[in-house]
Amino acid sequence: MGFYWIGFIFWVLIGTGLLLSLYGLCKKSWKALLLSGVVLILPMLYFGGAENWFRILAFVPLLPFVLAYYTKKKVGILKR
């Protein structure tokens, strides 16, 4: 039984996306939230091809994108 690089990269991307989401929420960083959404797109496309309720997980990257938009909008208003 060998080491599966695809699985390792898959879980590293998911972990990185979740950590960036938490960092972006704590620091109110729209850039970290945007990067989190970008990192989560690839692993969630895998779930988009499922035939059951796992297909809903393909919409998970939308949450960081929406949060990044509202965070940037809110921070931009506060800087004026």
N, C-alpha and C. Protein backbone atom coordinates (compact mmCIF):
# COMPACT_ATOMS: atom_id res chain seq x y z
N MET A 1 0.84 -1.17 0.00
CA MET A 1 0.00 0.00 0.00
C MET A 1 0.89 1.24 0.00
N GLY A 2 0.75 2.06 -1.00
CA GLY A 2 1.61 3.23 -1.16
C GLY A 2 0.96 4.49 -0.59
N PHE A 3 1.71 5.54 -0.69
CA PHE A 3 1.24 6.85 -0.24
C PHE A 3 0.46 7.50 -1.38
N TYR A 4 -0.70 8.00 -1.08
CA TYR A 4 -1.57 8.59 -2.10
C TYR A 4 -1.46 10.12 -2.06
N TRP A 5 -0.72 10.67 -3.03
CA TRP A 5 -0.51 12.11 -3.07
C TRP A 5 -1.79 12.88 -3.34
N ILE A 6 -2.67 12.33 -4.14
CA ILE A 6 -3.92 13.02 -4.46
C ILE A 6 -4.75 13.23 -3.21
N GLY A 7 -4.86 12.20 -2.40
CA GLY A 7 -5.62 12.32 -1.15
C GLY A 7 -4.97 13.29 -0.19
N PHE A 8 -3.64 13.27 -0.13
CA PHE A 8 -2.91 14.19 0.74
C PHE A 8 -3.15 15.63 0.32
N ILE A 9 -3.03 15.91 -0.98
CA ILE A 9 -3.25 17.26 -1.49
C ILE A 9 -4.69 17.69 -1.27
N PHE A 10 -5.62 16.78 -1.47
CA PHE A 10 -7.04 17.05 -1.26
C PHE A 10 -7.29 17.54 0.18
N TRP A 11 -6.77 16.80 1.15
CA TRP A 11 -7.00 17.16 2.55
C TRP A 11 -6.20 18.38 2.98
N VAL A 12 -5.04 18.59 2.39
CA VAL A 12 -4.26 19.80 2.69
C VAL A 12 -5.01 21.03 2.19
N LEU A 13 -5.60 20.95 1.00
CA LEU A 13 -6.38 22.08 0.48
C LEU A 13 -7.59 22.37 1.35
N ILE A 14 -8.29 21.34 1.80
CA ILE A 14 -9.45 21.55 2.67
C ILE A 14 -9.02 22.17 4.00
N GLY A 15 -7.95 21.64 4.60
CA GLY A 15 -7.46 22.18 5.86
C GLY A 15 -6.99 23.62 5.73
N THR A 16 -6.27 23.91 4.65
CA THR A 16 -5.80 25.27 4.41
C THR A 16 -6.96 26.23 4.21
N GLY A 17 -7.96 25.80 3.48
CA GLY A 17 -9.14 26.64 3.27
C GLY A 17 -9.87 26.94 4.56
N LEU A 18 -10.01 25.94 5.41
CA LEU A 18 -10.69 26.16 6.69
C LEU A 18 -9.88 27.07 7.61
N LEU A 19 -8.56 26.86 7.64
CA LEU A 19 -7.71 27.72 8.48
C LEU A 19 -7.71 29.17 7.98
N LEU A 20 -7.67 29.35 6.68
CA LEU A 20 -7.74 30.70 6.13
C LEU A 20 -9.09 31.36 6.41
N SER A 21 -10.16 30.57 6.41
CA SER A 21 -11.47 31.11 6.74
C SER A 21 -11.51 31.58 8.19
N LEU A 22 -10.99 30.77 9.08
CA LEU A 22 -10.96 31.16 10.50
C LEU A 22 -10.09 32.40 10.71
N TYR A 23 -8.93 32.43 10.07
CA TYR A 23 -8.05 33.59 10.17
C TYR A 23 -8.74 34.84 9.62
N GLY A 24 -9.37 34.71 8.47
CA GLY A 24 -10.05 35.85 7.87
C GLY A 24 -11.21 36.36 8.71
N LEU A 25 -11.92 35.45 9.36
CA LEU A 25 -13.03 35.88 10.23
C LEU A 25 -12.51 36.55 11.49
N CYS A 26 -11.44 36.02 12.07
CA CYS A 26 -10.89 36.61 13.31
C CYS A 26 -10.27 37.97 13.06
N LYS A 27 -9.53 38.11 11.97
CA LYS A 27 -8.83 39.37 11.67
C LYS A 27 -9.63 40.30 10.78
N LYS A 28 -10.81 39.86 10.35
CA LYS A 28 -11.65 40.61 9.42
C LYS A 28 -10.86 40.98 8.15
N SER A 29 -10.17 39.97 7.61
CA SER A 29 -9.36 40.14 6.43
C SER A 29 -10.10 39.60 5.21
N TRP A 30 -10.48 40.49 4.31
CA TRP A 30 -11.19 40.04 3.13
C TRP A 30 -10.26 39.27 2.18
N LYS A 31 -8.96 39.58 2.23
CA LYS A 31 -8.02 38.87 1.37
C LYS A 31 -7.87 37.41 1.78
N ALA A 32 -7.83 37.16 3.09
CA ALA A 32 -7.74 35.77 3.57
C ALA A 32 -9.01 35.01 3.24
N LEU A 33 -10.16 35.65 3.35
CA LEU A 33 -11.42 34.99 3.00
C LEU A 33 -11.50 34.69 1.51
N LEU A 34 -11.03 35.61 0.70
CA LEU A 34 -11.03 35.40 -0.75
C LEU A 34 -10.10 34.24 -1.12
N LEU A 35 -8.92 34.22 -0.52
CA LEU A 35 -7.98 33.13 -0.78
C LEU A 35 -8.54 31.80 -0.29
N SER A 36 -9.26 31.82 0.80
CA SER A 36 -9.90 30.61 1.31
C SER A 36 -10.91 30.05 0.29
N GLY A 37 -11.70 30.93 -0.29
CA GLY A 37 -12.65 30.49 -1.31
C GLY A 37 -11.97 29.90 -2.52
N VAL A 38 -10.87 30.52 -2.93
CA VAL A 38 -10.12 30.02 -4.09
C VAL A 38 -9.52 28.64 -3.80
N VAL A 39 -8.97 28.47 -2.58
CA VAL A 39 -8.36 27.20 -2.22
C VAL A 39 -9.41 26.09 -2.10
N LEU A 40 -10.61 26.43 -1.67
CA LEU A 40 -11.65 25.42 -1.49
C LEU A 40 -12.36 25.01 -2.78
N ILE A 41 -12.18 25.76 -3.85
CA ILE A 41 -12.90 25.44 -5.09
C ILE A 41 -12.53 24.05 -5.62
N LEU A 42 -11.25 23.76 -5.72
CA LEU A 42 -10.82 22.50 -6.32
C LEU A 42 -11.33 21.26 -5.57
N PRO A 43 -11.15 21.17 -4.24
CA PRO A 43 -11.67 19.97 -3.57
C PRO A 43 -13.20 19.88 -3.61
N MET A 44 -13.88 21.01 -3.61
CA MET A 44 -15.34 20.96 -3.59
C MET A 44 -15.91 20.61 -4.97
N LEU A 45 -15.14 20.80 -6.04
CA LEU A 45 -15.59 20.34 -7.35
C LEU A 45 -15.71 18.82 -7.39
N TYR A 46 -14.88 18.15 -6.61
CA TYR A 46 -14.97 16.69 -6.50
C TYR A 46 -16.34 16.29 -5.95
N PHE A 47 -16.79 16.99 -4.92
CA PHE A 47 -18.08 16.68 -4.33
C PHE A 47 -19.23 17.07 -5.26
N GLY A 48 -19.00 18.04 -6.15
CA GLY A 48 -20.04 18.44 -7.09
C GLY A 48 -20.41 17.34 -8.06
N GLY A 49 -19.53 16.38 -8.26
CA GLY A 49 -19.80 15.27 -9.16
C GLY A 49 -20.48 14.09 -8.48
N ALA A 50 -20.79 14.21 -7.22
CA ALA A 50 -21.42 13.11 -6.49
C ALA A 50 -22.87 12.93 -6.91
N GLU A 51 -23.41 11.78 -6.64
CA GLU A 51 -24.79 11.48 -7.02
C GLU A 51 -25.76 11.58 -5.84
N ASN A 52 -25.28 11.99 -4.69
CA ASN A 52 -26.16 12.05 -3.52
C ASN A 52 -26.09 13.45 -2.91
N TRP A 53 -26.42 13.56 -1.63
CA TRP A 53 -26.49 14.87 -0.99
C TRP A 53 -25.12 15.54 -0.83
N PHE A 54 -24.02 14.82 -1.10
CA PHE A 54 -22.69 15.42 -1.05
C PHE A 54 -22.54 16.52 -2.11
N ARG A 55 -23.40 16.53 -3.11
CA ARG A 55 -23.36 17.54 -4.16
C ARG A 55 -23.53 18.95 -3.58
N ILE A 56 -24.21 19.06 -2.45
CA ILE A 56 -24.44 20.36 -1.82
C ILE A 56 -23.11 20.97 -1.34
N LEU A 57 -22.12 20.14 -1.01
CA LEU A 57 -20.83 20.64 -0.54
C LEU A 57 -20.10 21.45 -1.61
N ALA A 58 -20.51 21.34 -2.85
CA ALA A 58 -19.87 22.13 -3.91
C ALA A 58 -20.14 23.62 -3.74
N PHE A 59 -21.14 23.97 -2.94
CA PHE A 59 -21.47 25.38 -2.72
C PHE A 59 -20.72 25.99 -1.53
N VAL A 60 -19.91 25.21 -0.84
CA VAL A 60 -19.17 25.70 0.33
C VAL A 60 -18.24 26.87 -0.01
N PRO A 61 -17.53 26.87 -1.15
CA PRO A 61 -16.65 28.02 -1.44
C PRO A 61 -17.41 29.34 -1.63
N LEU A 62 -18.69 29.29 -1.86
CA LEU A 62 -19.45 30.52 -2.00
C LEU A 62 -19.49 31.31 -0.69
N LEU A 63 -19.48 30.62 0.43
CA LEU A 63 -19.55 31.29 1.73
C LEU A 63 -18.35 32.21 1.96
N PRO A 64 -17.10 31.74 1.78
CA PRO A 64 -15.99 32.68 1.95
C PRO A 64 -15.99 33.83 0.95
N PHE A 65 -16.45 33.57 -0.28
CA PHE A 65 -16.52 34.66 -1.27
C PHE A 65 -17.51 35.73 -0.84
N VAL A 66 -18.66 35.31 -0.36
CA VAL A 66 -19.67 36.27 0.10
C VAL A 66 -19.18 37.03 1.33
N LEU A 67 -18.56 36.31 2.26
CA LEU A 67 -18.01 36.97 3.44
C LEU A 67 -16.90 37.94 3.08
N ALA A 68 -16.07 37.60 2.10
CA ALA A 68 -15.01 38.50 1.66
C ALA A 68 -15.60 39.77 1.06
N TYR A 69 -16.65 39.63 0.29
CA TYR A 69 -17.31 40.80 -0.32
C TYR A 69 -17.87 41.73 0.76
N TYR A 70 -18.60 41.16 1.71
CA TYR A 70 -19.19 42.00 2.76
C TYR A 70 -18.13 42.57 3.69
N THR A 71 -17.07 41.84 3.95
CA THR A 71 -16.00 42.35 4.80
C THR A 71 -15.29 43.51 4.11
N LYS A 72 -15.00 43.37 2.83
CA LYS A 72 -14.36 44.46 2.10
C LYS A 72 -15.26 45.68 2.04
N LYS A 73 -16.53 45.46 1.82
CA LYS A 73 -17.48 46.55 1.76
C LYS A 73 -17.57 47.27 3.11
N LYS A 74 -17.61 46.50 4.18
CA LYS A 74 -17.74 47.06 5.52
C LYS A 74 -16.47 47.81 5.93
N VAL A 75 -15.31 47.23 5.65
CA VAL A 75 -14.04 47.88 5.99
C VAL A 75 -13.85 49.13 5.16
N GLY A 76 -14.27 49.10 3.90
CA GLY A 76 -14.18 50.27 3.05
C GLY A 76 -15.03 51.42 3.55
N ILE A 77 -16.18 51.13 4.12
CA ILE A 77 -17.06 52.16 4.67
C ILE A 77 -16.43 52.74 5.94
N LEU A 78 -15.81 51.89 6.74
CA LEU A 78 -15.21 52.37 7.99
C LEU A 78 -13.98 53.24 7.75
N LYS A 79 -13.27 53.05 6.64
CA LYS A 79 -12.08 53.84 6.37
C LYS A 79 -12.40 55.22 5.84
N ARG A 80 -13.60 55.47 5.42
CA ARG A 80 -13.96 56.80 4.85
C ARG A 80 -14.04 57.84 5.91
